[in-house]
PDB file of all heavy atoms in Angstrom:
ATOM      1  N   GLY A   1      12.235 -14.721  -1.306  1.00  0.00           N
ATOM      2  CA  GLY A   1      12.578 -14.021  -0.102  1.00  0.00           C
ATOM      3  C   GLY A   1      12.073 -12.671  -0.025  1.00  0.00           C
ATOM      4  O   GLY A   1      11.438 -12.132  -0.976  1.00  0.00           O
ATOM      5  N   GLY A   2      12.240 -11.999   1.107  1.00  0.00           N
ATOM      6  CA  GLY A   2      11.812 -10.612   1.255  1.00  0.00           C
ATOM      7  C   GLY A   2      10.310 -10.467   1.460  1.00  0.00           C
ATOM      8  O   GLY A   2       9.716  -9.399   1.191  1.00  0.00           O
ATOM      9  N   ARG A   3       9.681 -11.539   1.976  1.00  0.00           N
ATOM     10  CA  ARG A   3       8.236 -11.505   2.116  1.00  0.00           C
ATOM     11  C   ARG A   3       7.728 -10.417   3.098  1.00  0.00           C
ATOM     12  O   ARG A   3       6.768  -9.819   2.889  1.00  0.00           O
ATOM     13  CB  ARG A   3       7.702 -12.883   2.571  1.00  0.00           C
ATOM     14  CG  ARG A   3       7.899 -13.971   1.522  1.00  0.00           C
ATOM     15  CD  ARG A   3       7.605 -15.335   2.137  1.00  0.00           C
ATOM     16  NE  ARG A   3       8.533 -15.666   3.172  1.00  0.00           N
ATOM     17  CZ  ARG A   3       8.388 -16.666   4.060  1.00  0.00           C
ATOM     18  NH1 ARG A   3       7.287 -17.419   4.033  1.00  0.00           N
ATOM     19  NH2 ARG A   3       9.292 -16.868   5.008  1.00  0.00           N
ATOM     20  N   GLY A   4       8.485 -10.284   4.191  1.00  0.00           N
ATOM     21  CA  GLY A   4       8.046  -9.351   5.210  1.00  0.00           C
ATOM     22  C   GLY A   4       7.968  -7.923   4.723  1.00  0.00           C
ATOM     23  O   GLY A   4       7.059  -7.175   5.077  1.00  0.00           O
ATOM     24  N   LYS A   5       8.951  -7.562   3.877  1.00  0.00           N
ATOM     25  CA  LYS A   5       8.988  -6.179   3.343  1.00  0.00           C
ATOM     26  C   LYS A   5       8.229  -6.048   2.031  1.00  0.00           C
ATOM     27  O   LYS A   5       8.168  -5.011   1.439  1.00  0.00           O
ATOM     28  CB  LYS A   5      10.447  -5.746   3.153  1.00  0.00           C
ATOM     29  CG  LYS A   5      11.257  -5.628   4.461  1.00  0.00           C
ATOM     30  CD  LYS A   5      12.672  -5.221   4.191  1.00  0.00           C
ATOM     31  CE  LYS A   5      13.427  -5.114   5.519  1.00  0.00           C
ATOM     32  NZ  LYS A   5      14.868  -4.724   5.300  1.00  0.00           N
ATOM     33  N   GLY A   6       7.621  -7.143   1.523  1.00  0.00           N
ATOM     34  CA  GLY A   6       6.936  -7.102   0.314  1.00  0.00           C
ATOM     35  C   GLY A   6       5.555  -6.386   0.393  1.00  0.00           C
ATOM     36  O   GLY A   6       5.124  -6.034   1.517  1.00  0.00           O
ATOM     37  N   LYS A   7       4.952  -6.175  -0.723  1.00  0.00           N
ATOM     38  CA  LYS A   7       3.694  -5.486  -0.781  1.00  0.00           C
ATOM     39  C   LYS A   7       2.711  -6.260  -1.693  1.00  0.00           C
ATOM     40  O   LYS A   7       3.083  -6.798  -2.704  1.00  0.00           O
ATOM     41  CB  LYS A   7       3.831  -4.041  -1.323  1.00  0.00           C
ATOM     42  CG  LYS A   7       4.623  -3.122  -0.425  1.00  0.00           C
ATOM     43  CD  LYS A   7       3.813  -2.790   0.825  1.00  0.00           C
ATOM     44  CE  LYS A   7       4.545  -1.816   1.749  1.00  0.00           C
ATOM     45  NZ  LYS A   7       3.792  -1.556   3.013  1.00  0.00           N
ATOM     46  N   PHE A   8       1.454  -6.253  -1.302  1.00  0.00           N
ATOM     47  CA  PHE A   8       0.402  -6.934  -2.075  1.00  0.00           C
ATOM     48  C   PHE A   8      -0.121  -5.895  -3.111  1.00  0.00           C
ATOM     49  O   PHE A   8      -0.521  -4.837  -2.772  1.00  0.00           O
ATOM     50  CB  PHE A   8      -0.758  -7.427  -1.207  1.00  0.00           C
ATOM     51  CG  PHE A   8      -0.407  -8.649  -0.437  1.00  0.00           C
ATOM     52  CD1 PHE A   8       0.108  -8.563   0.889  1.00  0.00           C
ATOM     53  CD2 PHE A   8      -0.492  -9.945  -1.018  1.00  0.00           C
ATOM     54  CE1 PHE A   8       0.484  -9.731   1.596  1.00  0.00           C
ATOM     55  CE2 PHE A   8      -0.182 -11.063  -0.344  1.00  0.00           C
ATOM     56  CZ  PHE A   8       0.266 -10.955   1.023  1.00  0.00           C
ATOM     57  N   ARG A   9      -0.065  -6.325  -4.366  1.00  0.00           N
ATOM     58  CA  ARG A   9      -0.483  -5.440  -5.440  1.00  0.00           C
ATOM     59  C   ARG A   9      -1.915  -5.002  -5.357  1.00  0.00           C
ATOM     60  O   ARG A   9      -2.260  -3.833  -5.631  1.00  0.00           O
ATOM     61  CB  ARG A   9      -0.225  -6.103  -6.819  1.00  0.00           C
ATOM     62  CG  ARG A   9      -0.626  -5.280  -7.980  1.00  0.00           C
ATOM     63  CD  ARG A   9      -0.427  -6.006  -9.290  1.00  0.00           C
ATOM     64  NE  ARG A   9       0.974  -6.340  -9.468  1.00  0.00           N
ATOM     65  CZ  ARG A   9       1.391  -7.481  -9.983  1.00  0.00           C
ATOM     66  NH1 ARG A   9       0.523  -8.390 -10.405  1.00  0.00           N
ATOM     67  NH2 ARG A   9       2.657  -7.712 -10.195  1.00  0.00           N
ATOM     68  N   GLU A  10      -2.778  -5.911  -4.900  1.00  0.00           N
ATOM     69  CA  GLU A  10      -4.219  -5.589  -4.798  1.00  0.00           C
ATOM     70  C   GLU A  10      -4.592  -4.747  -3.642  1.00  0.00           C
ATOM     71  O   GLU A  10      -5.707  -4.215  -3.546  1.00  0.00           O
ATOM     72  CB  GLU A  10      -5.001  -6.885  -4.798  1.00  0.00           C
ATOM     73  CG  GLU A  10      -4.921  -7.726  -6.063  1.00  0.00           C
ATOM     74  CD  GLU A  10      -3.661  -8.626  -6.049  1.00  0.00           C
ATOM     75  OE1 GLU A  10      -2.894  -8.551  -5.091  1.00  0.00           O
ATOM     76  OE2 GLU A  10      -3.483  -9.381  -6.954  1.00  0.00           O
ATOM     77  N   LEU A  11      -3.665  -4.541  -2.652  1.00  0.00           N
ATOM     78  CA  LEU A  11      -3.992  -3.817  -1.415  1.00  0.00           C
ATOM     79  C   LEU A  11      -3.392  -2.427  -1.530  1.00  0.00           C
ATOM     80  O   LEU A  11      -2.543  -2.127  -2.375  1.00  0.00           O
ATOM     81  CB  LEU A  11      -3.484  -4.585  -0.207  1.00  0.00           C
ATOM     82  CG  LEU A  11      -3.954  -6.028  -0.055  1.00  0.00           C
ATOM     83  CD1 LEU A  11      -3.360  -6.649   1.214  1.00  0.00           C
ATOM     84  CD2 LEU A  11      -5.517  -6.091  -0.017  1.00  0.00           C
ATOM     85  N   GLY A  12      -3.778  -1.548  -0.611  1.00  0.00           N
ATOM     86  CA  GLY A  12      -3.273  -0.195  -0.562  1.00  0.00           C
ATOM     87  C   GLY A  12      -1.762  -0.147  -0.202  1.00  0.00           C
ATOM     88  O   GLY A  12      -1.208  -1.130   0.334  1.00  0.00           O
ATOM     89  N   PRO A  13      -1.104   1.004  -0.414  1.00  0.00           N
ATOM     90  CA  PRO A  13       0.309   1.142  -0.126  1.00  0.00           C
ATOM     91  C   PRO A  13       0.619   1.010   1.344  1.00  0.00           C
ATOM     92  O   PRO A  13       1.793   0.737   1.751  1.00  0.00           O
ATOM     93  CB  PRO A  13       0.621   2.518  -0.657  1.00  0.00           C
ATOM     94  CG  PRO A  13      -0.697   3.252  -0.693  1.00  0.00           C
ATOM     95  CD  PRO A  13      -1.702   2.214  -1.002  1.00  0.00           C
ATOM     96  N   ASP A  14      -0.376   1.246   2.188  1.00  0.00           N
ATOM     97  CA  ASP A  14      -0.114   1.169   3.670  1.00  0.00           C
ATOM     98  C   ASP A  14      -0.426  -0.216   4.217  1.00  0.00           C
ATOM     99  O   ASP A  14      -0.218  -0.477   5.441  1.00  0.00           O
ATOM    100  CB  ASP A  14      -1.018   2.187   4.385  1.00  0.00           C
ATOM    101  CG  ASP A  14      -0.692   3.642   3.968  1.00  0.00           C
ATOM    102  OD1 ASP A  14       0.493   3.865   3.707  1.00  0.00           O
ATOM    103  OD2 ASP A  14      -1.609   4.442   3.989  1.00  0.00           O
ATOM    104  N   ALA A  15      -0.819  -1.119   3.399  1.00  0.00           N
ATOM    105  CA  ALA A  15      -1.124  -2.523   3.856  1.00  0.00           C
ATOM    106  C   ALA A  15       0.174  -3.207   4.266  1.00  0.00           C
ATOM    107  O   ALA A  15       1.271  -2.926   3.745  1.00  0.00           O
ATOM    108  CB  ALA A  15      -1.835  -3.275   2.761  1.00  0.00           C
ATOM    109  N   LYS A  16       0.117  -4.145   5.183  1.00  0.00           N
ATOM    110  CA  LYS A  16       1.212  -4.902   5.656  1.00  0.00           C
ATOM    111  C   LYS A  16       1.722  -5.877   4.612  1.00  0.00           C
ATOM    112  O   LYS A  16       1.033  -6.164   3.647  1.00  0.00           O
ATOM    113  CB  LYS A  16       0.880  -5.624   6.927  1.00  0.00           C
ATOM    114  CG  LYS A  16       0.530  -4.676   8.108  1.00  0.00           C
ATOM    115  CD  LYS A  16       0.112  -5.448   9.322  1.00  0.00           C
ATOM    116  CE  LYS A  16      -0.306  -4.531  10.496  1.00  0.00           C
ATOM    117  NZ  LYS A  16      -0.777  -5.288  11.643  1.00  0.00           N
ATOM    118  N   GLY A  17       2.915  -6.425   4.863  1.00  0.00           N
ATOM    119  CA  GLY A  17       3.509  -7.298   3.834  1.00  0.00           C
ATOM    120  C   GLY A  17       3.099  -8.747   4.045  1.00  0.00           C
ATOM    121  O   GLY A  17       1.991  -9.078   4.493  1.00  0.00           O
ATOM    122  N   GLY A  18       4.019  -9.670   3.663  1.00  0.00           N
ATOM    123  CA  GLY A  18       3.718 -11.092   3.587  1.00  0.00           C
ATOM    124  C   GLY A  18       3.996 -11.859   4.879  1.00  0.00           C
ATOM    125  O   GLY A  18       3.772 -13.083   4.909  1.00  0.00           O
ATOM    126  N   VAL A  19       4.492 -11.144   5.972  1.00  0.00           N
ATOM    127  CA  VAL A  19       4.685 -11.784   7.255  1.00  0.00           C
ATOM    128  C   VAL A  19       4.085 -10.815   8.272  1.00  0.00           C
ATOM    129  O   VAL A  19       4.518  -9.714   8.414  1.00  0.00           O
ATOM    130  CB  VAL A  19       6.145 -12.010   7.517  1.00  0.00           C
ATOM    131  CG1 VAL A  19       6.323 -12.566   8.963  1.00  0.00           C
ATOM    132  CG2 VAL A  19       6.817 -12.900   6.495  1.00  0.00           C
ATOM    133  N   ARG A  20       3.064 -11.286   8.958  1.00  0.00           N
ATOM    134  CA  ARG A  20       2.255 -10.405   9.817  1.00  0.00           C
ATOM    135  C   ARG A  20       2.027 -10.986  11.236  1.00  0.00           C
ATOM    136  O   ARG A  20       1.833 -12.214  11.365  1.00  0.00           O
ATOM    137  CB  ARG A  20       0.878 -10.123   9.260  1.00  0.00           C
ATOM    138  CG  ARG A  20       0.949  -9.528   7.831  1.00  0.00           C
ATOM    139  CD  ARG A  20      -0.432  -9.233   7.287  1.00  0.00           C
ATOM    140  NE  ARG A  20      -0.408  -8.667   5.961  1.00  0.00           N
ATOM    141  CZ  ARG A  20      -1.464  -8.160   5.351  1.00  0.00           C
ATOM    142  NH1 ARG A  20      -2.680  -8.183   5.979  1.00  0.00           N
ATOM    143  NH2 ARG A  20      -1.415  -7.631   4.149  1.00  0.00           N
ATOM    144  N   LEU A  21       2.116 -10.156  12.229  1.00  0.00           N
ATOM    145  CA  LEU A  21       1.810 -10.527  13.588  1.00  0.00           C
ATOM    146  C   LEU A  21       0.310 -10.427  13.833  1.00  0.00           C
ATOM    147  O   LEU A  21      -0.310  -9.437  13.346  1.00  0.00           O
ATOM    148  CB  LEU A  21       2.577  -9.669  14.591  1.00  0.00           C
ATOM    149  CG  LEU A  21       4.119  -9.814  14.642  1.00  0.00           C
ATOM    150  CD1 LEU A  21       4.700  -8.825  15.615  1.00  0.00           C
ATOM    151  CD2 LEU A  21       4.482 -11.255  15.056  1.00  0.00           C
ATOM    152  N   ALA A  22      -0.267 -11.338  14.532  1.00  0.00           N
ATOM    153  CA  ALA A  22      -1.663 -11.271  14.885  1.00  0.00           C
ATOM    154  C   ALA A  22      -1.861 -11.543  16.369  1.00  0.00           C
ATOM    155  O   ALA A  22      -1.249 -12.494  16.906  1.00  0.00           O
ATOM    156  CB  ALA A  22      -2.446 -12.322  14.042  1.00  0.00           C
ATOM    157  N   LYS A  23      -2.609 -10.705  17.016  1.00  0.00           N
ATOM    158  CA  LYS A  23      -2.754 -10.815  18.468  1.00  0.00           C
ATOM    159  C   LYS A  23      -4.082 -11.459  18.888  1.00  0.00           C
ATOM    160  O   LYS A  23      -4.373 -11.500  20.087  1.00  0.00           O
ATOM    161  CB  LYS A  23      -2.598  -9.422  19.140  1.00  0.00           C
ATOM    162  CG  LYS A  23      -1.201  -8.808  18.904  1.00  0.00           C
ATOM    163  CD  LYS A  23      -1.081  -7.420  19.550  1.00  0.00           C
ATOM    164  CE  LYS A  23       0.291  -6.855  19.318  1.00  0.00           C
ATOM    165  NZ  LYS A  23       0.395  -5.486  19.885  1.00  0.00           N
ATOM    166  N   SER A  24      -4.818 -11.924  17.933  1.00  0.00           N
ATOM    167  CA  SER A  24      -6.080 -12.635  18.217  1.00  0.00           C
ATOM    168  C   SER A  24      -6.494 -13.471  17.042  1.00  0.00           C
ATOM    169  O   SER A  24      -5.925 -13.342  15.958  1.00  0.00           O
ATOM    170  CB  SER A  24      -7.211 -11.587  18.486  1.00  0.00           C
ATOM    171  OG  SER A  24      -7.519 -10.879  17.310  1.00  0.00           O
ATOM    172  N   LEU A  25      -7.440 -14.369  17.237  1.00  0.00           N
ATOM    173  CA  LEU A  25      -7.897 -15.245  16.131  1.00  0.00           C
ATOM    174  C   LEU A  25      -8.614 -14.354  15.059  1.00  0.00           C
ATOM    175  O   LEU A  25      -8.516 -14.722  13.895  1.00  0.00           O
ATOM    176  CB  LEU A  25      -8.879 -16.279  16.697  1.00  0.00           C
ATOM    177  CG  LEU A  25      -8.288 -17.324  17.603  1.00  0.00           C
ATOM    178  CD1 LEU A  25      -9.345 -18.238  18.136  1.00  0.00           C
ATOM    179  CD2 LEU A  25      -7.226 -18.103  16.862  1.00  0.00           C
ATOM    180  N   ASP A  26      -9.257 -13.245  15.464  1.00  0.00           N
ATOM    181  CA  ASP A  26      -9.896 -12.358  14.546  1.00  0.00           C
ATOM    182  C   ASP A  26      -8.817 -11.785  13.628  1.00  0.00           C
ATOM    183  O   ASP A  26      -9.106 -11.576  12.357  1.00  0.00           O
ATOM    184  CB  ASP A  26     -10.686 -11.246  15.232  1.00  0.00           C
ATOM    185  CG  ASP A  26     -11.962 -11.803  15.834  1.00  0.00           C
ATOM    186  OD1 ASP A  26     -12.409 -12.913  15.463  1.00  0.00           O
ATOM    187  OD2 ASP A  26     -12.493 -11.141  16.739  1.00  0.00           O
ATOM    188  N   GLU A  27      -7.722 -11.382  14.119  1.00  0.00           N
ATOM    189  CA  GLU A  27      -6.633 -10.803  13.342  1.00  0.00           C
ATOM    190  C   GLU A  27      -6.023 -11.834  12.370  1.00  0.00           C
ATOM    191  O   GLU A  27      -5.654 -11.542  11.242  1.00  0.00           O
ATOM    192  CB  GLU A  27      -5.564 -10.166  14.216  1.00  0.00           C
ATOM    193  CG  GLU A  27      -5.977  -8.909  14.928  1.00  0.00           C
ATOM    194  CD  GLU A  27      -4.860  -8.176  15.560  1.00  0.00           C
ATOM    195  OE1 GLU A  27      -3.643  -8.559  15.345  1.00  0.00           O
ATOM    196  OE2 GLU A  27      -5.120  -7.238  16.397  1.00  0.00           O
ATOM    197  N   VAL A  28      -5.935 -13.056  12.885  1.00  0.00           N
ATOM    198  CA  VAL A  28      -5.494 -14.159  12.039  1.00  0.00           C
ATOM    199  C   VAL A  28      -6.378 -14.298  10.790  1.00  0.00           C
ATOM    200  O   VAL A  28      -5.995 -14.391   9.641  1.00  0.00           O
ATOM    201  CB  VAL A  28      -5.421 -15.493  12.776  1.00  0.00           C
ATOM    202  CG1 VAL A  28      -5.158 -16.666  11.778  1.00  0.00           C
ATOM    203  CG2 VAL A  28      -4.328 -15.474  13.834  1.00  0.00           C
ATOM    204  N   GLU A  29      -7.684 -14.255  11.088  1.00  0.00           N
ATOM    205  CA  GLU A  29      -8.691 -14.396  10.005  1.00  0.00           C
ATOM    206  C   GLU A  29      -8.596 -13.221   8.995  1.00  0.00           C
ATOM    207  O   GLU A  29      -8.614 -13.455   7.805  1.00  0.00           O
ATOM    208  CB  GLU A  29     -10.069 -14.460  10.596  1.00  0.00           C
ATOM    209  CG  GLU A  29     -11.161 -14.599   9.561  1.00  0.00           C
ATOM    210  CD  GLU A  29     -12.560 -14.712  10.163  1.00  0.00           C
ATOM    211  OE1 GLU A  29     -12.695 -14.724  11.336  1.00  0.00           O
ATOM    212  OE2 GLU A  29     -13.557 -14.780   9.383  1.00  0.00           O
ATOM    213  N   SER A  30      -8.522 -11.978   9.539  1.00  0.00           N
ATOM    214  CA  SER A  30      -8.499 -10.816   8.616  1.00  0.00           C
ATOM    215  C   SER A  30      -7.213 -10.794   7.793  1.00  0.00           C
ATOM    216  O   SER A  30      -7.210 -10.459   6.590  1.00  0.00           O
ATOM    217  CB  SER A  30      -8.627  -9.495   9.437  1.00  0.00           C
ATOM    218  OG  SER A  30      -7.517  -9.390  10.365  1.00  0.00           O
ATOM    219  N   ASN A  31      -6.067 -11.196   8.393  1.00  0.00           N
ATOM    220  CA  ASN A  31      -4.845 -11.205   7.651  1.00  0.00           C
ATOM    221  C   ASN A  31      -4.816 -12.274   6.567  1.00  0.00           C
ATOM    222  O   ASN A  31      -4.387 -12.054   5.430  1.00  0.00           O
ATOM    223  CB  ASN A  31      -3.680 -11.464   8.649  1.00  0.00           C
ATOM    224  CG  ASN A  31      -3.306 -10.227   9.386  1.00  0.00           C
ATOM    225  OD1 ASN A  31      -3.347  -9.094   8.901  1.00  0.00           O
ATOM    226  ND2 ASN A  31      -2.877 -10.409  10.669  1.00  0.00           N
ATOM    227  N   ALA A  32      -5.361 -13.427   6.930  1.00  0.00           N
ATOM    228  CA  ALA A  32      -5.446 -14.557   5.937  1.00  0.00           C
ATOM    229  C   ALA A  32      -6.374 -14.152   4.838  1.00  0.00           C
ATOM    230  O   ALA A  32      -6.038 -14.445   3.627  1.00  0.00           O
ATOM    231  CB  ALA A  32      -5.999 -15.782   6.627  1.00  0.00           C
ATOM    232  N   ARG A  33      -7.447 -13.470   5.083  1.00  0.00           N
ATOM    233  CA  ARG A  33      -8.358 -13.044   4.030  1.00  0.00           C
ATOM    234  C   ARG A  33      -7.699 -12.027   3.130  1.00  0.00           C
ATOM    235  O   ARG A  33      -7.955 -12.087   1.937  1.00  0.00           O
ATOM    236  CB  ARG A  33      -9.626 -12.460   4.715  1.00  0.00           C
ATOM    237  CG  ARG A  33     -10.901 -12.541   3.829  1.00  0.00           C
ATOM    238  CD  ARG A  33     -12.083 -12.038   4.569  1.00  0.00           C
ATOM    239  NE  ARG A  33     -12.426 -12.959   5.640  1.00  0.00           N
ATOM    240  CZ  ARG A  33     -13.052 -14.107   5.524  1.00  0.00           C
ATOM    241  NH1 ARG A  33     -13.376 -14.520   4.294  1.00  0.00           N
ATOM    242  NH2 ARG A  33     -13.308 -14.860   6.556  1.00  0.00           N
ATOM    243  N   GLU A  34      -6.839 -11.194   3.637  1.00  0.00           N
ATOM    244  CA  GLU A  34      -6.182 -10.187   2.823  1.00  0.00           C
ATOM    245  C   GLU A  34      -5.063 -10.782   1.951  1.00  0.00           C
ATOM    246  O   GLU A  34      -4.759 -10.361   0.853  1.00  0.00           O
ATOM    247  CB  GLU A  34      -5.551  -9.108   3.661  1.00  0.00           C
ATOM    248  CG  GLU A  34      -6.507  -8.034   4.177  1.00  0.00           C
ATOM    249  CD  GLU A  34      -5.813  -6.845   4.778  1.00  0.00           C
ATOM    250  OE1 GLU A  34      -4.558  -6.892   4.846  1.00  0.00           O
ATOM    251  OE2 GLU A  34      -6.503  -5.853   5.141  1.00  0.00           O
ATOM    252  N   MET A  35      -4.433 -11.852   2.453  1.00  0.00           N
ATOM    253  CA  MET A  35      -3.257 -12.444   1.800  1.00  0.00           C
ATOM    254  C   MET A  35      -3.577 -13.491   0.755  1.00  0.00           C
ATOM    255  O   MET A  35      -3.013 -13.481  -0.356  1.00  0.00           O
ATOM    256  CB  MET A  35      -2.287 -13.001   2.856  1.00  0.00           C
ATOM    257  CG  MET A  35      -1.768 -11.928   3.841  1.00  0.00           C
ATOM    258  SD  MET A  35      -1.066 -12.606   5.349  1.00  0.00           S
ATOM    259  CE  MET A  35       0.525 -13.108   4.764  1.00  0.00           C
ATOM    260  N   LEU A  36      -4.438 -14.391   1.070  1.00  0.00           N
ATOM    261  CA  LEU A  36      -4.738 -15.515   0.135  1.00  0.00           C
ATOM    262  C   LEU A  36      -5.370 -15.028  -1.158  1.00  0.00           C
ATOM    263  O   LEU A  36      -6.304 -14.221  -1.181  1.00  0.00           O
ATOM    264  CB  LEU A  36      -5.660 -16.511   0.790  1.00  0.00           C
ATOM    265  CG  LEU A  36      -5.069 -17.495   1.802  1.00  0.00           C
ATOM    266  CD1 LEU A  36      -6.130 -18.264   2.505  1.00  0.00           C
ATOM    267  CD2 LEU A  36      -4.116 -18.460   1.057  1.00  0.00           C
ATOM    268  N   GLY A  37      -4.842 -15.497  -2.222  1.00  0.00           N
ATOM    269  CA  GLY A  37      -5.310 -15.115  -3.558  1.00  0.00           C
ATOM    270  C   GLY A  37      -4.780 -13.847  -4.134  1.00  0.00           C
ATOM    271  O   GLY A  37      -5.057 -13.539  -5.285  1.00  0.00           O
ATOM    272  N   ASN A  38      -4.063 -13.033  -3.341  1.00  0.00           N
ATOM    273  CA  ASN A  38      -3.522 -11.831  -3.805  1.00  0.00           C
ATOM    274  C   ASN A  38      -2.061 -11.975  -4.169  1.00  0.00           C
ATOM    275  O   ASN A  38      -1.392 -12.998  -3.871  1.00  0.00           O
ATOM    276  CB  ASN A  38      -3.655 -10.707  -2.730  1.00  0.00           C
ATOM    277  CG  ASN A  38      -5.051 -10.183  -2.664  1.00  0.00           C
ATOM    278  OD1 ASN A  38      -5.805 -10.285  -3.633  1.00  0.00           O
ATOM    279  ND2 ASN A  38      -5.386  -9.600  -1.544  1.00  0.00           N
ATOM    280  N   THR A  39      -1.508 -10.987  -4.904  1.00  0.00           N
ATOM    281  CA  THR A  39      -0.195 -11.084  -5.487  1.00  0.00           C
ATOM    282  C   THR A  39       0.837 -10.321  -4.620  1.00  0.00           C
ATOM    283  O   THR A  39       0.694  -9.150  -4.418  1.00  0.00           O
ATOM    284  CB  THR A  39      -0.134 -10.468  -6.896  1.00  0.00           C
ATOM    285  OG1 THR A  39      -1.181 -11.108  -7.678  1.00  0.00           O
ATOM    286  CG2 THR A  39       1.210 -10.701  -7.560  1.00  0.00           C
ATOM    287  N   LEU A  40       1.807 -11.063  -4.111  1.00  0.00           N
ATOM    288  CA  LEU A  40       2.869 -10.509  -3.255  1.00  0.00           C
ATOM    289  C   LEU A  40       4.040 -10.159  -4.133  1.00  0.00           C
ATOM    290  O   LEU A  40       4.618 -11.023  -4.775  1.00  0.00           O
ATOM    291  CB  LEU A  40       3.252 -11.486  -2.136  1.00  0.00           C
ATOM    292  CG  LEU A  40       4.318 -10.996  -1.156  1.00  0.00           C
ATOM    293  CD1 LEU A  40       3.839  -9.719  -0.451  1.00  0.00           C
ATOM    294  CD2 LEU A  40       4.650 -12.075  -0.138  1.00  0.00           C
TER     295      LEU A  40
END
């Protein structure tokens, strides 16, 4: 639990957590690229 408030170790401190809103397909792609394979 707590995915939304979590942080990805490989990303910067200002990066979003494990639950993200996306307003376009491009944002879906960029968020997926940041999240997959990284440690939450």
